[in-house]
Amino acid sequence: MVRRVVTGAHYGLRDWLAQRITAVVMAVYSVIMVFVLLTGKPIAYGVWRDLFSQGWMRVATLLFAASLAWHAWVGVRNILMDYIKPDGLRLSLQVGTLLVLGAYLGWAIQILWR
C-alpha cells in the first residue's frame, strides 16, 4: 500500500493560471487607459468625471482592481509560504495581507460607486 504524504497546499496550476489570467486582464485595461489618455482632450477633472460616469469604465476598473488584488494575493501568499517558516507568523501575515487587500478593494468600490 502506498501512503500519500501531504506536504503542502499544492496550488501549482491554479496559481499559475490565476497569475496569467489576472495579468492579461490588467494588461488589457492598461492598454485601454493608454489609448484613452493619448486620444483626445487634455485630462482635467471634468474629463475624468465623464469617463468614469460611464458604466463600462466603472466595471472595467473594478475588474482591474479585483484582478490586481487577486494577483497580489497569490504572489504574496506564495512568498510567505516559501520564506516564513513559523506557522503562526505566516498565518498572521497572510491574514493581514488579506485584510489590507480587502480594504483596498472595498475602497476602490466606494470610489467607483459613491
PDB file of N, CA and C in Angstrom:
ATOM      1  N   MET A   1       0.832  -1.165   0.000  1.00  0.00           N
ATOM      2  CA  MET A   1       0.000   0.000   0.000  1.00  0.00           C
ATOM      3  C   MET A   1       0.887   1.243   0.000  1.00  0.00           C
ATOM      4  N   VAL A   2       0.567   2.176  -0.857  1.00  0.00           N
ATOM      5  CA  VAL A   2       1.326   3.419  -0.961  1.00  0.00           C
ATOM      6  C   VAL A   2       0.655   4.472  -0.104  1.00  0.00           C
ATOM      7  N   ARG A   3       1.443   5.056   0.785  1.00  0.00           N
ATOM      8  CA  ARG A   3       0.909   6.134   1.616  1.00  0.00           C
ATOM      9  C   ARG A   3       1.236   7.463   0.975  1.00  0.00           C
ATOM     10  N   ARG A   4       0.235   8.252   0.826  1.00  0.00           N
ATOM     11  CA  ARG A   4       0.414   9.573   0.235  1.00  0.00           C
ATOM     12  C   ARG A   4       0.672  10.566   1.368  1.00  0.00           C
ATOM     13  N   VAL A   5       1.775  11.285   1.281  1.00  0.00           N
ATOM     14  CA  VAL A   5       2.126  12.265   2.292  1.00  0.00           C
ATOM     15  C   VAL A   5       1.839  13.655   1.736  1.00  0.00           C
ATOM     16  N   VAL A   6       0.980  14.366   2.427  1.00  0.00           N
ATOM     17  CA  VAL A   6       0.645  15.724   2.009  1.00  0.00           C
ATOM     18  C   VAL A   6       1.667  16.662   2.620  1.00  0.00           C
ATOM     19  N   THR A   7       2.389  17.370   1.765  1.00  0.00           N
ATOM     20  CA  THR A   7       3.463  18.232   2.268  1.00  0.00           C
ATOM     21  C   THR A   7       3.229  19.704   1.995  1.00  0.00           C
ATOM     22  N   GLY A   8       2.096  20.068   1.494  1.00  0.00           N
ATOM     23  CA  GLY A   8       1.838  21.472   1.203  1.00  0.00           C
ATOM     24  C   GLY A   8       0.448  21.637   0.624  1.00  0.00           C
ATOM     25  N   ALA A   9       0.157  22.825   0.182  1.00  0.00           N
ATOM     26  CA  ALA A   9      -1.186  23.126  -0.299  1.00  0.00           C
ATOM     27  C   ALA A   9      -1.383  22.718  -1.759  1.00  0.00           C
ATOM     28  N   HIS A  10      -0.322  22.532  -2.518  1.00  0.00           N
ATOM     29  CA  HIS A  10      -0.388  22.106  -3.920  1.00  0.00           C
ATOM     30  C   HIS A  10      -1.259  23.031  -4.761  1.00  0.00           C
ATOM     31  N   TYR A  11      -0.976  24.309  -4.732  1.00  0.00           N
ATOM     32  CA  TYR A  11      -1.756  25.259  -5.511  1.00  0.00           C
ATOM     33  C   TYR A  11      -1.322  25.264  -6.973  1.00  0.00           C
ATOM     34  N   GLY A  12      -0.075  25.030  -7.255  1.00  0.00           N
ATOM     35  CA  GLY A  12       0.538  24.897  -8.562  1.00  0.00           C
ATOM     36  C   GLY A  12      -0.164  25.477  -9.767  1.00  0.00           C
ATOM     37  N   LEU A  13      -0.890  24.638 -10.499  1.00  0.00           N
ATOM     38  CA  LEU A  13      -1.511  25.041 -11.754  1.00  0.00           C
ATOM     39  C   LEU A  13      -2.532  26.149 -11.536  1.00  0.00           C
ATOM     40  N   ARG A  14      -3.307  26.076 -10.466  1.00  0.00           N
ATOM     41  CA  ARG A  14      -4.316  27.106 -10.202  1.00  0.00           C
ATOM     42  C   ARG A  14      -3.646  28.466 -10.000  1.00  0.00           C
ATOM     43  N   ASP A  15      -2.547  28.508  -9.260  1.00  0.00           N
ATOM     44  CA  ASP A  15      -1.818  29.761  -9.068  1.00  0.00           C
ATOM     45  C   ASP A  15      -1.243  30.275 -10.375  1.00  0.00           C
ATOM     46  N   TRP A  16      -0.666  29.375 -11.145  1.00  0.00           N
ATOM     47  CA  TRP A  16      -0.068  29.766 -12.416  1.00  0.00           C
ATOM     48  C   TRP A  16      -1.134  30.375 -13.331  1.00  0.00           C
ATOM     49  N   LEU A  17      -2.290  29.717 -13.428  1.00  0.00           N
ATOM     50  CA  LEU A  17      -3.377  30.234 -14.260  1.00  0.00           C
ATOM     51  C   LEU A  17      -3.910  31.565 -13.722  1.00  0.00           C
ATOM     52  N   ALA A  18      -4.074  31.664 -12.412  1.00  0.00           N
ATOM     53  CA  ALA A  18      -4.572  32.910 -11.815  1.00  0.00           C
ATOM     54  C   ALA A  18      -3.628  34.064 -12.127  1.00  0.00           C
ATOM     55  N   GLN A  19      -2.336  33.833 -12.012  1.00  0.00           N
ATOM     56  CA  GLN A  19      -1.368  34.890 -12.298  1.00  0.00           C
ATOM     57  C   GLN A  19      -1.441  35.309 -13.762  1.00  0.00           C
ATOM     58  N   ARG A  20      -1.570  34.357 -14.658  1.00  0.00           N
ATOM     59  CA  ARG A  20      -1.603  34.691 -16.088  1.00  0.00           C
ATOM     60  C   ARG A  20      -2.901  35.389 -16.467  1.00  0.00           C
ATOM     61  N   ILE A  21      -4.019  34.893 -15.982  1.00  0.00           N
ATOM     62  CA  ILE A  21      -5.314  35.480 -16.338  1.00  0.00           C
ATOM     63  C   ILE A  21      -5.430  36.896 -15.781  1.00  0.00           C
ATOM     64  N   THR A  22      -5.053  37.087 -14.510  1.00  0.00           N
ATOM     65  CA  THR A  22      -5.133  38.429 -13.935  1.00  0.00           C
ATOM     66  C   THR A  22      -4.153  39.375 -14.615  1.00  0.00           C
ATOM     67  N   ALA A  23      -3.001  38.873 -15.017  1.00  0.00           N
ATOM     68  CA  ALA A  23      -2.038  39.719 -15.729  1.00  0.00           C
ATOM     69  C   ALA A  23      -2.593  40.165 -17.077  1.00  0.00           C
ATOM     70  N   VAL A  24      -3.290  39.275 -17.775  1.00  0.00           N
ATOM     71  CA  VAL A  24      -3.888  39.632 -19.065  1.00  0.00           C
ATOM     72  C   VAL A  24      -4.978  40.680 -18.864  1.00  0.00           C
ATOM     73  N   VAL A  25      -5.821  40.504 -17.848  1.00  0.00           N
ATOM     74  CA  VAL A  25      -6.874  41.479 -17.571  1.00  0.00           C
ATOM     75  C   VAL A  25      -6.259  42.849 -17.284  1.00  0.00           C
ATOM     76  N   MET A  26      -5.215  42.878 -16.461  1.00  0.00           N
ATOM     77  CA  MET A  26      -4.571  44.154 -16.128  1.00  0.00           C
ATOM     78  C   MET A  26      -3.885  44.770 -17.343  1.00  0.00           C
ATOM     79  N   ALA A  27      -3.298  43.943 -18.199  1.00  0.00           N
ATOM     80  CA  ALA A  27      -2.642  44.462 -19.398  1.00  0.00           C
ATOM     81  C   ALA A  27      -3.658  45.065 -20.365  1.00  0.00           C
ATOM     82  N   VAL A  28      -4.797  44.398 -20.549  1.00  0.00           N
ATOM     83  CA  VAL A  28      -5.837  44.924 -21.444  1.00  0.00           C
ATOM     84  C   VAL A  28      -6.358  46.258 -20.906  1.00  0.00           C
ATOM     85  N   TYR A  29      -6.617  46.332 -19.601  1.00  0.00           N
ATOM     86  CA  TYR A  29      -7.085  47.585 -19.004  1.00  0.00           C
ATOM     87  C   TYR A  29      -6.041  48.690 -19.190  1.00  0.00           C
ATOM     88  N   SER A  30      -4.782  48.348 -19.006  1.00  0.00           N
ATOM     89  CA  SER A  30      -3.711  49.342 -19.167  1.00  0.00           C
ATOM     90  C   SER A  30      -3.655  49.867 -20.597  1.00  0.00           C
ATOM     91  N   VAL A  31      -3.824  48.989 -21.565  1.00  0.00           N
ATOM     92  CA  VAL A  31      -3.834  49.418 -22.971  1.00  0.00           C
ATOM     93  C   VAL A  31      -5.025  50.346 -23.229  1.00  0.00           C
ATOM     94  N   ILE A  32      -6.182  49.993 -22.668  1.00  0.00           N
ATOM     95  CA  ILE A  32      -7.360  50.847 -22.823  1.00  0.00           C
ATOM     96  C   ILE A  32      -7.095  52.225 -22.219  1.00  0.00           C
ATOM     97  N   MET A  33      -6.504  52.262 -21.033  1.00  0.00           N
ATOM     98  CA  MET A  33      -6.228  53.546 -20.372  1.00  0.00           C
ATOM     99  C   MET A  33      -5.211  54.372 -21.165  1.00  0.00           C
ATOM    100  N   VAL A  34      -4.186  53.741 -21.697  1.00  0.00           N
ATOM    101  CA  VAL A  34      -3.207  54.468 -22.510  1.00  0.00           C
ATOM    102  C   VAL A  34      -3.891  55.040 -23.741  1.00  0.00           C
ATOM    103  N   PHE A  35      -4.746  54.255 -24.375  1.00  0.00           N
ATOM    104  CA  PHE A  35      -5.491  54.725 -25.545  1.00  0.00           C
ATOM    105  C   PHE A  35      -6.365  55.920 -25.185  1.00  0.00           C
ATOM    106  N   VAL A  36      -7.083  55.837 -24.063  1.00  0.00           N
ATOM    107  CA  VAL A  36      -7.958  56.930 -23.628  1.00  0.00           C
ATOM    108  C   VAL A  36      -7.134  58.182 -23.334  1.00  0.00           C
ATOM    109  N   LEU A  37      -5.999  58.011 -22.698  1.00  0.00           N
ATOM    110  CA  LEU A  37      -5.170  59.160 -22.335  1.00  0.00           C
ATOM    111  C   LEU A  37      -4.507  59.818 -23.541  1.00  0.00           C
ATOM    112  N   LEU A  38      -4.167  59.022 -24.548  1.00  0.00           N
ATOM    113  CA  LEU A  38      -3.455  59.574 -25.701  1.00  0.00           C
ATOM    114  C   LEU A  38      -4.377  60.112 -26.786  1.00  0.00           C
ATOM    115  N   THR A  39      -5.632  59.746 -26.758  1.00  0.00           N
ATOM    116  CA  THR A  39      -6.558  60.226 -27.776  1.00  0.00           C
ATOM    117  C   THR A  39      -7.507  61.240 -27.176  1.00  0.00           C
ATOM    118  N   GLY A  40      -7.347  62.445 -27.605  1.00  0.00           N
ATOM    119  CA  GLY A  40      -8.358  63.402 -27.213  1.00  0.00           C
ATOM    120  C   GLY A  40      -7.906  64.519 -26.310  1.00  0.00           C
ATOM    121  N   LYS A  41      -8.836  64.884 -25.474  1.00  0.00           N
ATOM    122  CA  LYS A  41      -8.752  66.112 -24.689  1.00  0.00           C
ATOM    123  C   LYS A  41      -7.669  66.039 -23.614  1.00  0.00           C
ATOM    124  N   PRO A  42      -7.178  67.209 -23.205  1.00  0.00           N
ATOM    125  CA  PRO A  42      -6.293  67.234 -22.045  1.00  0.00           C
ATOM    126  C   PRO A  42      -7.062  66.735 -20.822  1.00  0.00           C
ATOM    127  N   ILE A  43      -6.373  65.993 -19.981  1.00  0.00           N
ATOM    128  CA  ILE A  43      -7.037  65.380 -18.836  1.00  0.00           C
ATOM    129  C   ILE A  43      -7.249  66.419 -17.733  1.00  0.00           C
ATOM    130  N   ALA A  44      -8.511  66.639 -17.425  1.00  0.00           N
ATOM    131  CA  ALA A  44      -8.908  67.526 -16.338  1.00  0.00           C
ATOM    132  C   ALA A  44      -9.996  66.800 -15.550  1.00  0.00           C
ATOM    133  N   TYR A  45     -10.420  67.396 -14.457  1.00  0.00           N
ATOM    134  CA  TYR A  45     -11.419  66.746 -13.614  1.00  0.00           C
ATOM    135  C   TYR A  45     -12.689  66.402 -14.390  1.00  0.00           C
ATOM    136  N   GLY A  46     -13.158  67.301 -15.205  1.00  0.00           N
ATOM    137  CA  GLY A  46     -14.381  67.058 -15.969  1.00  0.00           C
ATOM    138  C   GLY A  46     -14.260  65.869 -16.906  1.00  0.00           C
ATOM    139  N   VAL A  47     -13.104  65.735 -17.534  1.00  0.00           N
ATOM    140  CA  VAL A  47     -12.874  64.609 -18.448  1.00  0.00           C
ATOM    141  C   VAL A  47     -12.893  63.294 -17.674  1.00  0.00           C
ATOM    142  N   TRP A  48     -12.205  63.263 -16.515  1.00  0.00           N
ATOM    143  CA  TRP A  48     -12.193  62.054 -15.686  1.00  0.00           C
ATOM    144  C   TRP A  48     -13.598  61.725 -15.201  1.00  0.00           C
ATOM    145  N   ARG A  49     -14.341  62.747 -14.759  1.00  0.00           N
ATOM    146  CA  ARG A  49     -15.705  62.533 -14.268  1.00  0.00           C
ATOM    147  C   ARG A  49     -16.576  61.943 -15.371  1.00  0.00           C
ATOM    148  N   ASP A  50     -16.486  62.511 -16.572  1.00  0.00           N
ATOM    149  CA  ASP A  50     -17.277  62.000 -17.691  1.00  0.00           C
ATOM    150  C   ASP A  50     -16.880  60.569 -18.062  1.00  0.00           C
ATOM    151  N   LEU A  51     -15.577  60.296 -18.036  1.00  0.00           N
ATOM    152  CA  LEU A  51     -15.094  58.956 -18.375  1.00  0.00           C
ATOM    153  C   LEU A  51     -15.611  57.923 -17.376  1.00  0.00           C
ATOM    154  N   PHE A  52     -15.507  58.236 -16.088  1.00  0.00           N
ATOM    155  CA  PHE A  52     -15.894  57.266 -15.070  1.00  0.00           C
ATOM    156  C   PHE A  52     -17.387  57.306 -14.743  1.00  0.00           C
ATOM    157  N   SER A  53     -18.150  58.179 -15.379  1.00  0.00           N
ATOM    158  CA  SER A  53     -19.601  58.147 -15.212  1.00  0.00           C
ATOM    159  C   SER A  53     -20.221  57.074 -16.099  1.00  0.00           C
ATOM    160  N   GLN A  54     -19.440  56.565 -17.040  1.00  0.00           N
ATOM    161  CA  GLN A  54     -19.911  55.508 -17.927  1.00  0.00           C
ATOM    162  C   GLN A  54     -19.790  54.159 -17.222  1.00  0.00           C
ATOM    163  N   GLY A  55     -20.833  53.366 -17.328  1.00  0.00           N
ATOM    164  CA  GLY A  55     -20.870  52.079 -16.636  1.00  0.00           C
ATOM    165  C   GLY A  55     -19.760  51.126 -17.041  1.00  0.00           C
ATOM    166  N   TRP A  56     -19.439  51.076 -18.332  1.00  0.00           N
ATOM    167  CA  TRP A  56     -18.414  50.137 -18.793  1.00  0.00           C
ATOM    168  C   TRP A  56     -17.051  50.457 -18.182  1.00  0.00           C
ATOM    169  N   MET A  57     -16.768  51.753 -17.980  1.00  0.00           N
ATOM    170  CA  MET A  57     -15.471  52.124 -17.406  1.00  0.00           C
ATOM    171  C   MET A  57     -15.408  51.758 -15.929  1.00  0.00           C
ATOM    172  N   ARG A  58     -16.514  51.925 -15.228  1.00  0.00           N
ATOM    173  CA  ARG A  58     -16.552  51.529 -13.815  1.00  0.00           C
ATOM    174  C   ARG A  58     -16.359  50.026 -13.664  1.00  0.00           C
ATOM    175  N   VAL A  59     -17.050  49.263 -14.501  1.00  0.00           N
ATOM    176  CA  VAL A  59     -16.929  47.805 -14.433  1.00  0.00           C
ATOM    177  C   VAL A  59     -15.505  47.372 -14.810  1.00  0.00           C
ATOM    178  N   ALA A  60     -14.940  47.980 -15.844  1.00  0.00           N
ATOM    179  CA  ALA A  60     -13.572  47.638 -16.255  1.00  0.00           C
ATOM    180  C   ALA A  60     -12.579  47.972 -15.145  1.00  0.00           C
ATOM    181  N   THR A  61     -12.784  49.099 -14.483  1.00  0.00           N
ATOM    182  CA  THR A  61     -11.883  49.490 -13.404  1.00  0.00           C
ATOM    183  C   THR A  61     -12.032  48.560 -12.208  1.00  0.00           C
ATOM    184  N   LEU A  62     -13.265  48.172 -11.899  1.00  0.00           N
ATOM    185  CA  LEU A  62     -13.477  47.217 -10.810  1.00  0.00           C
ATOM    186  C   LEU A  62     -12.850  45.870 -11.138  1.00  0.00           C
ATOM    187  N   LEU A  63     -12.984  45.424 -12.372  1.00  0.00           N
ATOM    188  CA  LEU A  63     -12.350  44.173 -12.798  1.00  0.00           C
ATOM    189  C   LEU A  63     -10.830  44.273 -12.679  1.00  0.00           C
ATOM    190  N   PHE A  64     -10.280  45.430 -13.043  1.00  0.00           N
ATOM    191  CA  PHE A  64      -8.841  45.647 -12.888  1.00  0.00           C
ATOM    192  C   PHE A  64      -8.445  45.582 -11.416  1.00  0.00           C
ATOM    193  N   ALA A  65      -9.199  46.255 -10.546  1.00  0.00           N
ATOM    194  CA  ALA A  65      -8.863  46.277  -9.123  1.00  0.00           C
ATOM    195  C   ALA A  65      -8.959  44.879  -8.512  1.00  0.00           C
ATOM    196  N   ALA A  66      -9.993  44.117  -8.885  1.00  0.00           N
ATOM    197  CA  ALA A  66     -10.129  42.754  -8.375  1.00  0.00           C
ATOM    198  C   ALA A  66      -8.999  41.865  -8.885  1.00  0.00           C
ATOM    199  N   SER A  67      -8.634  42.035 -10.141  1.00  0.00           N
ATOM    200  CA  SER A  67      -7.523  41.263 -10.704  1.00  0.00           C
ATOM    201  C   SER A  67      -6.209  41.609 -10.017  1.00  0.00           C
ATOM    202  N   LEU A  68      -6.011  42.889  -9.753  1.00  0.00           N
ATOM    203  CA  LEU A  68      -4.799  43.317  -9.063  1.00  0.00           C
ATOM    204  C   LEU A  68      -4.730  42.724  -7.658  1.00  0.00           C
ATOM    205  N   ALA A  69      -5.855  42.737  -6.944  1.00  0.00           N
ATOM    206  CA  ALA A  69      -5.884  42.184  -5.591  1.00  0.00           C
ATOM    207  C   ALA A  69      -5.614  40.681  -5.607  1.00  0.00           C
ATOM    208  N   TRP A  70      -6.232  39.970  -6.529  1.00  0.00           N
ATOM    209  CA  TRP A  70      -6.023  38.520  -6.617  1.00  0.00           C
ATOM    210  C   TRP A  70      -4.587  38.209  -7.006  1.00  0.00           C
ATOM    211  N   HIS A  71      -4.058  38.939  -7.974  1.00  0.00           N
ATOM    212  CA  HIS A  71      -2.676  38.762  -8.424  1.00  0.00           C
ATOM    213  C   HIS A  71      -1.709  38.986  -7.261  1.00  0.00           C
ATOM    214  N   ALA A  72      -1.946  40.062  -6.521  1.00  0.00           N
ATOM    215  CA  ALA A  72      -1.092  40.367  -5.368  1.00  0.00           C
ATOM    216  C   ALA A  72      -1.209  39.292  -4.298  1.00  0.00           C
ATOM    217  N   TRP A  73      -2.436  38.817  -4.049  1.00  0.00           N
ATOM    218  CA  TRP A  73      -2.629  37.798  -3.022  1.00  0.00           C
ATOM    219  C   TRP A  73      -1.868  36.521  -3.366  1.00  0.00           C
ATOM    220  N   VAL A  74      -1.973  36.056  -4.600  1.00  0.00           N
ATOM    221  CA  VAL A  74      -1.282  34.823  -4.991  1.00  0.00           C
ATOM    222  C   VAL A  74       0.228  34.996  -4.837  1.00  0.00           C
ATOM    223  N   GLY A  75       0.747  36.122  -5.279  1.00  0.00           N
ATOM    224  CA  GLY A  75       2.187  36.346  -5.183  1.00  0.00           C
ATOM    225  C   GLY A  75       2.673  36.455  -3.747  1.00  0.00           C
ATOM    226  N   VAL A  76       1.993  37.238  -2.946  1.00  0.00           N
ATOM    227  CA  VAL A  76       2.419  37.418  -1.545  1.00  0.00           C
ATOM    228  C   VAL A  76       2.252  36.113  -0.774  1.00  0.00           C
ATOM    229  N   ARG A  77       1.134  35.408  -0.990  1.00  0.00           N
ATOM    230  CA  ARG A  77       0.929  34.135  -0.292  1.00  0.00           C
ATOM    231  C   ARG A  77       2.035  33.143  -0.611  1.00  0.00           C
ATOM    232  N   ASN A  78       2.428  33.061  -1.879  1.00  0.00           N
ATOM    233  CA  ASN A  78       3.489  32.129  -2.250  1.00  0.00           C
ATOM    234  C   ASN A  78       4.824  32.529  -1.637  1.00  0.00           C
ATOM    235  N   ILE A  79       5.100  33.808  -1.598  1.00  0.00           N
ATOM    236  CA  ILE A  79       6.340  34.274  -0.967  1.00  0.00           C
ATOM    237  C   ILE A  79       6.331  33.933   0.516  1.00  0.00           C
ATOM    238  N   LEU A  80       5.210  34.197   1.187  1.00  0.00           N
ATOM    239  CA  LEU A  80       5.119  33.893   2.616  1.00  0.00           C
ATOM    240  C   LEU A  80       5.243  32.394   2.869  1.00  0.00           C
ATOM    241  N   MET A  81       4.617  31.573   2.028  1.00  0.00           N
ATOM    242  CA  MET A  81       4.713  30.117   2.217  1.00  0.00           C
ATOM    243  C   MET A  81       6.144  29.621   2.006  1.00  0.00           C
ATOM    244  N   ASP A  82       6.883  30.279   1.118  1.00  0.00           N
ATOM    245  CA  ASP A  82       8.251  29.840   0.838  1.00  0.00           C
ATOM    246  C   ASP A  82       9.257  30.297   1.890  1.00  0.00           C
ATOM    247  N   TYR A  83       9.081  31.499   2.435  1.00  0.00           N
ATOM    248  CA  TYR A  83      10.146  32.088   3.231  1.00  0.00           C
ATOM    249  C   TYR A  83       9.826  32.289   4.706  1.00  0.00           C
ATOM    250  N   ILE A  84       8.579  32.210   5.115  1.00  0.00           N
ATOM    251  CA  ILE A  84       8.235  32.378   6.528  1.00  0.00           C
ATOM    252  C   ILE A  84       7.901  30.993   7.088  1.00  0.00           C
ATOM    253  N   LYS A  85       8.779  30.458   7.913  1.00  0.00           N
ATOM    254  CA  LYS A  85       8.616  29.086   8.387  1.00  0.00           C
ATOM    255  C   LYS A  85       7.719  28.954   9.618  1.00  0.00           C
ATOM    256  N   PRO A  86       7.783  29.842  10.618  1.00  0.00           N
ATOM    257  CA  PRO A  86       6.883  29.670  11.776  1.00  0.00           C
ATOM    258  C   PRO A  86       5.418  29.835  11.351  1.00  0.00           C
ATOM    259  N   ASP A  87       4.622  28.802  11.654  1.00  0.00           N
ATOM    260  CA  ASP A  87       3.235  28.777  11.174  1.00  0.00           C
ATOM    261  C   ASP A  87       2.414  29.959  11.671  1.00  0.00           C
ATOM    262  N   GLY A  88       2.545  30.312  12.937  1.00  0.00           N
ATOM    263  CA  GLY A  88       1.758  31.411  13.499  1.00  0.00           C
ATOM    264  C   GLY A  88       2.070  32.741  12.845  1.00  0.00           C
ATOM    265  N   LEU A  89       3.336  33.000  12.619  1.00  0.00           N
ATOM    266  CA  LEU A  89       3.747  34.248  11.964  1.00  0.00           C
ATOM    267  C   LEU A  89       3.248  34.287  10.527  1.00  0.00           C
ATOM    268  N   ARG A  90       3.398  33.156   9.832  1.00  0.00           N
ATOM    269  CA  ARG A  90       2.949  33.093   8.435  1.00  0.00           C
ATOM    270  C   ARG A  90       1.438  33.321   8.345  1.00  0.00           C
ATOM    271  N   LEU A  91       0.676  32.683   9.223  1.00  0.00           N
ATOM    272  CA  LEU A  91      -0.772  32.860   9.223  1.00  0.00           C
ATOM    273  C   LEU A  91      -1.145  34.306   9.528  1.00  0.00           C
ATOM    274  N   SER A  92      -0.464  34.904  10.487  1.00  0.00           N
ATOM    275  CA  SER A  92      -0.741  36.305  10.825  1.00  0.00           C
ATOM    276  C   SER A  92      -0.470  37.227   9.647  1.00  0.00           C
ATOM    277  N   LEU A  93       0.632  37.003   8.972  1.00  0.00           N
ATOM    278  CA  LEU A  93       0.967  37.829   7.810  1.00  0.00           C
ATOM    279  C   LEU A  93      -0.014  37.606   6.661  1.00  0.00           C
ATOM    280  N   GLN A  94      -0.458  36.371   6.479  1.00  0.00           N
ATOM    281  CA  GLN A  94      -1.433  36.098   5.421  1.00  0.00           C
ATOM    282  C   GLN A  94      -2.776  36.759   5.726  1.00  0.00           C
ATOM    283  N   VAL A  95      -3.214  36.669   6.972  1.00  0.00           N
ATOM    284  CA  VAL A  95      -4.471  37.315   7.351  1.00  0.00           C
ATOM    285  C   VAL A  95      -4.356  38.829   7.194  1.00  0.00           C
ATOM    286  N   GLY A  96      -3.224  39.387   7.620  1.00  0.00           N
ATOM    287  CA  GLY A  96      -3.001  40.823   7.459  1.00  0.00           C
ATOM    288  C   GLY A  96      -3.026  41.247   6.004  1.00  0.00           C
ATOM    289  N   THR A  97      -2.404  40.441   5.156  1.00  0.00           N
ATOM    290  CA  THR A  97      -2.394  40.731   3.722  1.00  0.00           C
ATOM    291  C   THR A  97      -3.809  40.692   3.151  1.00  0.00           C
ATOM    292  N   LEU A  98      -4.587  39.675   3.532  1.00  0.00           N
ATOM    293  CA  LEU A  98      -5.972  39.590   3.058  1.00  0.00           C
ATOM    294  C   LEU A  98      -6.798  40.777   3.521  1.00  0.00           C
ATOM    295  N   LEU A  99      -6.614  41.200   4.763  1.00  0.00           N
ATOM    296  CA  LEU A  99      -7.366  42.346   5.272  1.00  0.00           C
ATOM    297  C   LEU A  99      -7.011  43.628   4.517  1.00  0.00           C
ATOM    298  N   VAL A 100      -5.730  43.835   4.274  1.00  0.00           N
ATOM    299  CA  VAL A 100      -5.297  45.038   3.544  1.00  0.00           C
ATOM    300  C   VAL A 100      -5.818  45.015   2.114  1.00  0.00           C
ATOM    301  N   LEU A 101      -5.692  43.883   1.431  1.00  0.00           N
ATOM    302  CA  LEU A 101      -6.187  43.792   0.052  1.00  0.00           C
ATOM    303  C   LEU A 101      -7.704  43.955   0.001  1.00  0.00           C
ATOM    304  N   GLY A 102      -8.409  43.384   0.964  1.00  0.00           N
ATOM    305  CA  GLY A 102      -9.858  43.563   1.028  1.00  0.00           C
ATOM    306  C   GLY A 102     -10.237  45.015   1.262  1.00  0.00           C
ATOM    307  N   ALA A 103      -9.488  45.696   2.136  1.00  0.00           N
ATOM    308  CA  ALA A 103      -9.756  47.119   2.389  1.00  0.00           C
ATOM    309  C   ALA A 103      -9.504  47.942   1.129  1.00  0.00           C
ATOM    310  N   TYR A 104      -8.433  47.651   0.411  1.00  0.00           N
ATOM    311  CA  TYR A 104      -8.154  48.375  -0.830  1.00  0.00           C
ATOM    312  C   TYR A 104      -9.256  48.140  -1.866  1.00  0.00           C
ATOM    313  N   LEU A 105      -9.719  46.910  -1.980  1.00  0.00           N
ATOM    314  CA  LEU A 105     -10.773  46.608  -2.942  1.00  0.00           C
ATOM    315  C   LEU A 105     -12.079  47.297  -2.537  1.00  0.00           C
ATOM    316  N   GLY A 106     -12.376  47.285  -1.250  1.00  0.00           N
ATOM    317  CA  GLY A 106     -13.558  47.993  -0.772  1.00  0.00           C
ATOM    318  C   GLY A 106     -13.467  49.485  -1.022  1.00  0.00           C
ATOM    319  N   TRP A 107     -12.293  50.037  -0.842  1.00  0.00           N
ATOM    320  CA  TRP A 107     -12.066  51.457  -1.096  1.00  0.00           C
ATOM    321  C   TRP A 107     -12.276  51.767  -2.577  1.00  0.00           C
ATOM    322  N   ALA A 108     -11.778  50.898  -3.447  1.00  0.00           N
ATOM    323  CA  ALA A 108     -11.961  51.096  -4.890  1.00  0.00           C
ATOM    324  C   ALA A 108     -13.448  51.069  -5.247  1.00  0.00           C
ATOM    325  N   ILE A 109     -14.200  50.146  -4.646  1.00  0.00           N
ATOM    326  CA  ILE A 109     -15.643  50.076  -4.901  1.00  0.00           C
ATOM    327  C   ILE A 109     -16.325  51.352  -4.422  1.00  0.00           C
ATOM    328  N   GLN A 110     -15.925  51.834  -3.248  1.00  0.00           N
ATOM    329  CA  GLN A 110     -16.507  53.061  -2.715  1.00  0.00           C
ATOM    330  C   GLN A 110     -16.231  54.247  -3.649  1.00  0.00           C
ATOM    331  N   ILE A 111     -15.016  54.349  -4.148  1.00  0.00           N
ATOM    332  CA  ILE A 111     -14.657  55.441  -5.048  1.00  0.00           C
ATOM    333  C   ILE A 111     -15.457  55.359  -6.350  1.00  0.00           C
ATOM    334  N   LEU A 112     -15.597  54.153  -6.892  1.00  0.00           N
ATOM    335  CA  LEU A 112     -16.264  53.992  -8.179  1.00  0.00           C
ATOM    336  C   LEU A 112     -17.776  54.201  -8.111  1.00  0.00           C
ATOM    337  N   TRP A 113     -18.402  53.853  -6.991  1.00  0.00           N
ATOM    338  CA  TRP A 113     -19.862  53.888  -6.938  1.00  0.00           C
ATOM    339  C   TRP A 113     -20.446  54.790  -5.850  1.00  0.00           C
ATOM    340  N   ARG A 114     -19.725  55.811  -5.441  1.00  0.00           N
ATOM    341  CA  ARG A 114     -20.340  56.706  -4.459  1.00  0.00           C
ATOM    342  C   ARG A 114     -21.071  57.831  -5.113  1.00  0.00           C
TER     343      ARG A 114
END
